[in-house]
Every structure is written in C-alpha cells, then in structure tokens.
Amino acid sequence: MKKVYEDLLLKKGQVAVMLGLTARGVECLMARRAIPYIRISSRCVRFHWPTVQKALEKFTTKEI
C-alpha cells in the first residue's frame, strides 16, 4: 500500500519535520544542492519526498 505523502509535493517546513531539521537546515541542503526541489515561483518551493529520500541515500554510511 502506498503512503499518502509519496505523490504529494511537500512544503519546506514539512520536509524539515520529516528530516528532523529546521527550515534553515533544509535551506542549507538546498544551497548545497544535496536535495532536489521544485521552484514554482521565487517564494514557492516544493519537494517530492521519494526524490529527497533517494538523494539523501548517498550520504548514508554503510556498515563494513
């Protein structure tokens, strides 16, 4: 069964809560281009959660 938020575009605050960060922390990830985002207008930014998760996987340290 698919989770509800998988097809939704999330706001910066929602992504921050899901990652355990502040909105400023999400902005830092955006500035470093560590997470993908969709800029709808100059003040409107949205995130596709599965894409964000996939982008952050490259920062995960695997067990040896």
Protein backbone atom coordinates (compact mmCIF):
# COMPACT_ATOMS: atom_id res chain seq x y z
CA MET A 1 0.00 0.00 0.00
CA LYS A 2 1.36 3.43 -0.97
CA LYS A 3 1.80 6.06 1.68
CA VAL A 4 -0.26 9.21 1.20
CA TYR A 5 2.67 11.65 1.02
CA GLU A 6 4.51 9.80 -1.75
CA ASP A 7 2.59 11.57 -4.52
CA LEU A 8 2.34 14.96 -2.83
CA LEU A 9 4.61 17.95 -3.11
CA LEU A 10 5.70 18.99 0.36
CA LYS A 11 6.50 22.42 1.78
CA LYS A 12 9.87 23.28 3.29
CA GLY A 13 8.52 23.06 6.84
CA GLN A 14 7.04 19.63 6.23
CA VAL A 15 10.34 18.32 4.87
CA ALA A 16 12.14 19.85 7.85
CA VAL A 17 9.89 17.98 10.28
CA MET A 18 10.32 14.70 8.41
CA LEU A 19 14.13 15.09 8.43
CA GLY A 20 14.31 16.39 11.99
CA LEU A 21 15.78 19.71 10.87
CA THR A 22 14.80 23.35 10.95
CA ALA A 23 13.60 25.18 7.86
CA ARG A 24 17.03 26.82 7.73
CA GLY A 25 18.64 23.37 7.71
CA VAL A 26 16.58 22.45 4.66
CA GLU A 27 17.64 25.71 3.01
CA CYS A 28 21.28 24.77 3.63
CA LEU A 29 20.72 21.39 1.96
CA MET A 30 19.09 23.20 -0.96
CA ALA A 31 22.02 25.62 -1.27
CA ARG A 32 24.49 22.71 -1.31
CA ARG A 33 22.25 21.00 -3.89
CA ALA A 34 22.10 17.97 -1.62
CA ILE A 35 18.34 17.63 -2.08
CA PRO A 36 16.26 18.26 -5.20
CA TYR A 37 13.46 20.79 -5.12
CA ILE A 38 10.91 22.36 -7.43
CA ARG A 39 10.83 26.16 -7.56
CA ILE A 40 7.31 27.13 -8.57
CA SER A 41 7.94 30.86 -8.10
CA SER A 42 10.53 33.00 -6.33
CA ARG A 43 8.83 32.37 -2.98
CA CYS A 44 7.24 28.96 -3.55
CA VAL A 45 9.41 25.85 -3.25
CA ARG A 46 8.14 22.27 -3.08
CA PHE A 47 9.75 18.87 -2.57
CA HIS A 48 8.87 15.39 -3.81
CA TRP A 49 9.56 13.18 -0.78
CA PRO A 50 10.71 9.96 -2.53
CA THR A 51 13.19 12.00 -4.59
CA VAL A 52 14.53 13.71 -1.46
CA GLN A 53 14.97 10.34 0.27
CA LYS A 54 16.82 8.93 -2.72
CA ALA A 55 19.13 11.95 -2.89
CA LEU A 56 19.99 11.64 0.80
CA GLU A 57 20.85 7.95 0.48
CA LYS A 58 24.26 8.86 -0.97
CA PHE A 59 25.16 10.45 2.38
CA THR A 60 24.36 7.28 4.32
CA THR A 61 27.36 5.41 5.64
CA LYS A 62 27.11 1.68 5.00
CA GLU A 63 28.22 -0.82 7.58
CA ILE A 64 31.54 -2.52 6.83
